[in-house]
Amino acid sequence: NVAGYRRYRFDVLENRIRARIPASIRRPMFGCLASAYPKADWLPRLFRAKTLLTNLAQSPEQAYCNTMSWFSPDMKQRLYSRHLKKELNGYEPFSVMKEYFDQCKEWVPLSRIQYVDMKTYLVDDILTKVDRASMAHALEVRVPLLDHQVIEYAAAIPPRFKLAAGEGKHIFKQALKGLVPADILNRPKMGFSIPLAKWLRTELKPVFIDHVLSPHAFVNDWFEPAAMHRWWNQHQRGTRDYSYHLWALLVLECWGKRFVAK
């Protein structure tokens, strides 16, 4: 609720651009640019503009869904088998977010995506992961910042105090000045990420090959093996970073073998 995620700053920037360019011009123009722009994972982050261009061609709600998604619609078209596409019958994951976006139509953009995050990403992903890891070691890492009274108070703070001059957690940092050392208060955000890209080229390489690339893999019943092999080979060459996509396939394979496959 204090706007600490980097994607919040990008969403604010995107909405400022949308406000200046009519949709009739913005959608076709940025749509064409996004299609032509390469997915350059090897370039410095400054030059990786494909996601930005794609988002500017969409509505704010669809753009945020794209930001939060690992698999783009084009990737899913290549990955999903004909059987899976038939079973899905046109279902779109965006419908999950749309339900919550529709509940706060009159709010400012930053408050809307924070609300959607609290209803989806935080409860179904981040907090679940942190709870399992911390409780396994008898640690409590949520309190006091997720106390309901703190959350309710933070939600009522105007967005301009949360994200100011491109700085997230602005009011939170101001409140802690003099109480927390400056080198800790102002250091870059540190998440719980792991070196997946490297592991999938080293320690996890034989695991992925034995599980996902096996002719008898569970995921072969739902996905196109050619697409999975192509992404795997590109990741191994270092021309693309498919670490999160490959990790998702590996986790799904392990889950399917344990709970679904006969």
Protein backbone atom coordinates (compact mmCIF):
# COMPACT_ATOMS: atom_id res chain seq x y z
CA ASN A 1 0.00 0.00 0.00
CA VAL A 2 3.01 2.33 -0.02
CA ALA A 3 3.81 1.82 -3.73
CA GLY A 4 7.18 0.13 -3.39
CA TYR A 5 7.11 -2.00 -6.54
CA ARG A 6 9.02 -0.68 -9.54
CA ARG A 7 6.14 -1.60 -11.84
CA TYR A 8 3.98 1.02 -10.12
CA ARG A 9 6.28 3.76 -11.39
CA PHE A 10 6.10 2.37 -14.91
CA ASP A 11 2.31 2.13 -14.75
CA VAL A 12 2.08 5.80 -13.75
CA LEU A 13 4.35 6.71 -16.68
CA GLU A 14 2.28 4.66 -19.12
CA ASN A 15 -0.93 6.33 -17.99
CA ARG A 16 0.60 9.77 -18.47
CA ILE A 17 1.46 8.85 -22.06
CA ARG A 18 -2.02 7.43 -22.65
CA ALA A 19 -3.55 10.68 -21.41
CA ARG A 20 -1.63 12.64 -24.06
CA ILE A 21 -2.25 10.43 -27.11
CA PRO A 22 -5.78 9.54 -28.30
CA ALA A 23 -6.56 5.82 -28.30
CA SER A 24 -7.34 5.93 -32.04
CA ILE A 25 -3.70 6.87 -32.67
CA ARG A 26 -2.02 5.21 -29.71
CA ARG A 27 -3.30 1.66 -30.22
CA PRO A 28 -2.32 1.12 -33.87
CA MET A 29 0.92 3.11 -33.56
CA PHE A 30 2.30 1.38 -30.47
CA GLY A 31 0.84 -1.95 -31.56
CA CYS A 32 2.90 -1.85 -34.76
CA LEU A 33 6.01 -0.72 -32.88
CA ALA A 34 5.60 -3.51 -30.32
CA SER A 35 5.26 -6.11 -33.08
CA ALA A 36 8.41 -4.90 -34.79
CA TYR A 37 10.49 -4.43 -31.64
CA PRO A 38 12.61 -7.49 -30.77
CA LYS A 39 12.40 -9.25 -27.40
CA ALA A 40 16.01 -8.34 -26.61
CA ASP A 41 16.75 -10.08 -23.31
CA TRP A 42 20.50 -9.68 -23.85
CA LEU A 43 20.36 -5.88 -24.02
CA PRO A 44 20.61 -3.57 -20.98
CA ARG A 45 17.23 -3.01 -19.30
CA LEU A 46 17.07 0.53 -20.73
CA PHE A 47 16.64 -0.86 -24.24
CA ARG A 48 14.08 -3.56 -23.43
CA ALA A 49 11.07 -1.59 -24.58
CA LYS A 50 8.82 -4.33 -25.98
CA THR A 51 6.66 -4.58 -22.85
CA LEU A 52 6.26 -0.79 -22.68
CA LEU A 53 5.24 -0.54 -26.33
CA THR A 54 2.81 -3.45 -25.95
CA ASN A 55 1.24 -1.88 -22.87
CA LEU A 56 0.77 1.51 -24.54
CA ALA A 57 -1.28 -0.16 -27.26
CA GLN A 58 -3.67 -1.57 -24.65
CA SER A 59 -6.09 -0.31 -22.05
CA PRO A 60 -4.61 0.40 -18.59
CA GLU A 61 -6.26 -2.73 -17.21
CA GLN A 62 -5.06 -5.07 -19.96
CA ALA A 63 -1.60 -3.49 -19.83
CA TYR A 64 -1.24 -4.22 -16.14
CA CYS A 65 -2.28 -7.81 -16.75
CA ASN A 66 0.42 -8.01 -19.43
CA THR A 67 2.98 -6.59 -16.98
CA MET A 68 2.07 -9.24 -14.42
CA SER A 69 2.06 -12.14 -16.89
CA TRP A 70 4.98 -14.39 -17.76
CA PHE A 71 3.43 -15.85 -20.91
CA SER A 72 2.29 -13.38 -23.55
CA PRO A 73 -0.80 -14.18 -25.67
CA ASP A 74 1.51 -15.01 -28.60
CA MET A 75 3.55 -17.40 -26.46
CA LYS A 76 0.40 -19.14 -25.26
CA GLN A 77 -0.82 -19.55 -28.82
CA ARG A 78 2.44 -21.29 -29.69
CA LEU A 79 2.55 -23.34 -26.49
CA TYR A 80 -1.03 -24.54 -26.05
CA SER A 81 -2.03 -27.72 -27.83
CA ARG A 82 -5.15 -27.83 -29.99
CA HIS A 83 -6.80 -29.94 -27.29
CA LEU A 84 -6.05 -27.37 -24.56
CA LYS A 85 -7.32 -24.47 -26.66
CA LYS A 86 -10.57 -26.35 -27.17
CA GLU A 87 -10.89 -27.04 -23.44
CA LEU A 88 -10.27 -23.38 -22.57
CA ASN A 89 -13.01 -22.30 -24.98
CA GLY A 90 -11.81 -18.71 -25.21
CA TYR A 91 -11.10 -18.25 -21.50
CA GLU A 92 -8.77 -15.32 -20.73
CA PRO A 93 -6.82 -14.97 -17.44
CA PHE A 94 -7.46 -11.23 -17.62
CA SER A 95 -11.01 -11.95 -16.45
CA VAL A 96 -9.65 -12.56 -12.93
CA MET A 97 -8.14 -9.07 -12.78
CA LYS A 98 -11.02 -7.44 -14.62
CA GLU A 99 -13.42 -8.42 -11.84
CA TYR A 100 -11.43 -6.33 -9.36
CA PHE A 101 -10.66 -3.49 -11.76
CA ASP A 102 -14.42 -3.14 -12.29
CA GLN A 103 -14.93 -2.76 -8.55
CA CYS A 104 -12.81 0.40 -8.41
CA LYS A 105 -13.45 2.13 -11.74
CA GLU A 106 -13.58 5.62 -10.21
CA TRP A 107 -10.24 5.37 -8.40
CA VAL A 108 -6.99 6.87 -9.64
CA PRO A 109 -4.77 4.42 -11.60
CA LEU A 110 -2.20 3.78 -8.83
CA SER A 111 -4.88 2.94 -6.27
CA ARG A 112 -6.60 0.62 -8.76
CA ILE A 113 -3.54 -1.52 -9.45
CA GLN A 114 -2.67 -1.63 -5.74
CA TYR A 115 -6.19 -2.87 -5.02
CA VAL A 116 -5.94 -5.52 -7.74
CA ASP A 117 -2.56 -6.59 -6.38
CA MET A 118 -3.98 -7.02 -2.88
CA LYS A 119 -6.82 -9.16 -4.23
CA THR A 120 -4.68 -11.35 -6.51
CA TYR A 121 -0.88 -11.23 -6.58
CA LEU A 122 -0.25 -10.60 -2.88
CA VAL A 123 -2.63 -13.15 -1.39
CA ASP A 124 -2.16 -15.83 -4.06
CA ASP A 125 1.59 -15.51 -4.62
CA ILE A 126 3.89 -13.33 -2.53
CA LEU A 127 2.29 -13.76 0.89
CA THR A 128 1.74 -17.49 0.36
CA LYS A 129 5.39 -17.97 -0.54
CA VAL A 130 6.69 -15.87 2.34
CA ASP A 131 4.36 -17.53 4.85
CA ARG A 132 5.52 -21.02 3.93
CA ALA A 133 9.20 -20.14 3.95
CA SER A 134 9.08 -18.15 7.20
CA MET A 135 6.81 -20.45 9.17
CA ALA A 136 9.02 -23.41 8.24
CA HIS A 137 11.70 -21.65 10.31
CA ALA A 138 9.40 -20.36 13.07
CA LEU A 139 9.65 -16.75 11.84
CA GLU A 140 6.90 -14.14 11.58
CA VAL A 141 7.70 -11.60 8.88
CA ARG A 142 4.31 -10.06 8.19
CA VAL A 143 3.64 -8.17 11.41
CA PRO A 144 3.29 -5.26 11.89
CA LEU A 145 3.08 -3.95 8.30
CA LEU A 146 0.14 -6.16 7.39
CA ASP A 147 -1.87 -5.45 10.49
CA HIS A 148 -5.33 -4.61 9.18
CA GLN A 149 -5.35 -1.19 10.85
CA VAL A 150 -2.04 -0.27 9.20
CA ILE A 151 -3.34 -1.44 5.81
CA GLU A 152 -6.59 0.47 6.18
CA TYR A 153 -4.71 3.64 7.13
CA ALA A 154 -2.22 3.27 4.26
CA ALA A 155 -5.02 2.68 1.77
CA ALA A 156 -6.54 6.03 2.69
CA ILE A 157 -3.33 7.98 2.03
CA PRO A 158 -3.50 9.89 -1.30
CA PRO A 159 -1.32 8.27 -4.00
CA ARG A 160 0.75 11.45 -4.48
CA PHE A 161 2.31 10.84 -1.06
CA LYS A 162 3.17 7.23 -1.83
CA LEU A 163 4.90 7.77 -5.16
CA ALA A 164 6.68 11.12 -5.39
CA ALA A 165 9.43 12.24 -7.77
CA GLY A 166 9.72 8.71 -9.08
CA GLU A 167 10.35 7.34 -5.59
CA GLY A 168 8.22 4.51 -4.22
CA LYS A 169 7.41 4.19 -0.50
CA HIS A 170 7.92 7.96 -0.28
CA ILE A 171 5.79 8.68 2.79
CA PHE A 172 6.96 5.48 4.49
CA LYS A 173 10.61 6.49 4.07
CA GLN A 174 9.90 10.01 5.30
CA ALA A 175 8.24 8.62 8.41
CA LEU A 176 11.26 6.43 9.19
CA LYS A 177 13.94 9.09 8.70
CA GLY A 178 16.06 9.30 11.81
CA LEU A 179 14.76 5.94 13.03
CA VAL A 180 16.34 3.72 10.38
CA PRO A 181 19.89 4.22 9.04
CA ALA A 182 19.92 6.09 5.70
CA ASP A 183 21.94 3.38 3.92
CA ILE A 184 19.20 0.86 4.72
CA LEU A 185 16.30 3.21 4.10
CA ASN A 186 17.53 4.29 0.66
CA ARG A 187 19.07 1.10 -0.65
CA PRO A 188 17.54 -0.50 -3.78
CA LYS A 189 14.59 -2.83 -3.29
CA MET A 190 15.72 -6.38 -2.57
CA GLY A 191 13.25 -9.10 -3.45
CA PHE A 192 13.31 -12.85 -2.91
CA SER A 193 14.50 -13.70 -6.41
CA ILE A 194 16.79 -16.65 -7.12
CA PRO A 195 19.27 -17.11 -10.03
CA LEU A 196 16.88 -19.19 -12.12
CA ALA A 197 18.48 -18.31 -15.46
CA LYS A 198 21.84 -19.62 -14.28
CA TRP A 199 20.45 -22.69 -12.51
CA LEU A 200 18.55 -23.78 -15.63
CA ARG A 201 21.88 -23.79 -17.49
CA THR A 202 23.72 -25.62 -14.68
CA GLU A 203 22.29 -27.48 -11.67
CA LEU A 204 18.69 -27.64 -12.93
CA LYS A 205 19.60 -28.49 -16.52
CA PRO A 206 19.51 -32.30 -16.12
CA VAL A 207 16.38 -32.03 -13.94
CA PHE A 208 14.51 -30.09 -16.63
CA ILE A 209 15.65 -32.45 -19.39
CA ASP A 210 14.61 -35.54 -17.43
CA HIS A 211 11.23 -34.12 -16.50
CA VAL A 212 9.87 -31.62 -19.03
CA LEU A 213 11.70 -32.74 -22.16
CA SER A 214 10.93 -36.41 -21.59
CA PRO A 215 8.69 -38.04 -24.24
CA HIS A 216 6.50 -39.19 -21.36
CA ALA A 217 6.16 -35.78 -19.68
CA PHE A 218 2.81 -34.82 -18.21
CA VAL A 219 2.96 -31.40 -19.89
CA ASN A 220 3.08 -33.06 -23.33
CA ASP A 221 -0.64 -33.77 -22.91
CA TRP A 222 -1.38 -30.02 -22.88
CA PHE A 223 1.47 -28.20 -24.58
CA GLU A 224 3.36 -28.38 -27.86
CA PRO A 225 6.73 -30.12 -27.26
CA ALA A 226 8.27 -28.18 -30.17
CA ALA A 227 7.62 -24.85 -28.43
CA MET A 228 9.10 -26.06 -25.13
CA HIS A 229 12.19 -27.43 -26.88
CA ARG A 230 12.65 -24.20 -28.84
CA TRP A 231 12.52 -22.02 -25.70
CA TRP A 232 14.82 -24.41 -23.88
CA ASN A 233 17.43 -24.31 -26.65
CA GLN A 234 17.30 -20.51 -26.93
CA HIS A 235 17.73 -20.21 -23.17
CA GLN A 236 20.71 -22.57 -23.22
CA ARG A 237 22.37 -20.50 -25.96
CA GLY A 238 21.83 -17.35 -23.94
CA THR A 239 20.00 -15.54 -26.75
CA ARG A 240 16.79 -15.37 -24.69
CA ASP A 241 15.90 -15.49 -21.03
CA TYR A 242 13.05 -17.93 -20.59
CA SER A 243 13.92 -18.72 -16.98
CA TYR A 244 10.51 -17.99 -15.46
CA HIS A 245 8.65 -19.72 -18.28
CA LEU A 246 10.80 -22.84 -18.05
CA TRP A 247 10.53 -22.84 -14.27
CA ALA A 248 6.73 -22.68 -14.53
CA LEU A 249 6.77 -25.67 -16.89
CA LEU A 250 9.03 -27.62 -14.54
CA VAL A 251 6.84 -26.93 -11.51
CA LEU A 252 3.71 -27.86 -13.46
CA GLU A 253 5.36 -31.07 -14.63
CA CYS A 254 6.28 -32.08 -11.06
CA TRP A 255 2.78 -31.19 -9.81
CA GLY A 256 1.08 -33.08 -12.63
CA LYS A 257 3.17 -36.22 -12.14
CA ARG A 258 2.40 -36.22 -8.43
CA PHE A 259 -1.29 -35.33 -8.35
CA VAL A 260 -2.79 -35.94 -11.81
CA ALA A 261 -0.91 -38.46 -13.94
CA LYS A 262 -1.86 -42.09 -13.43
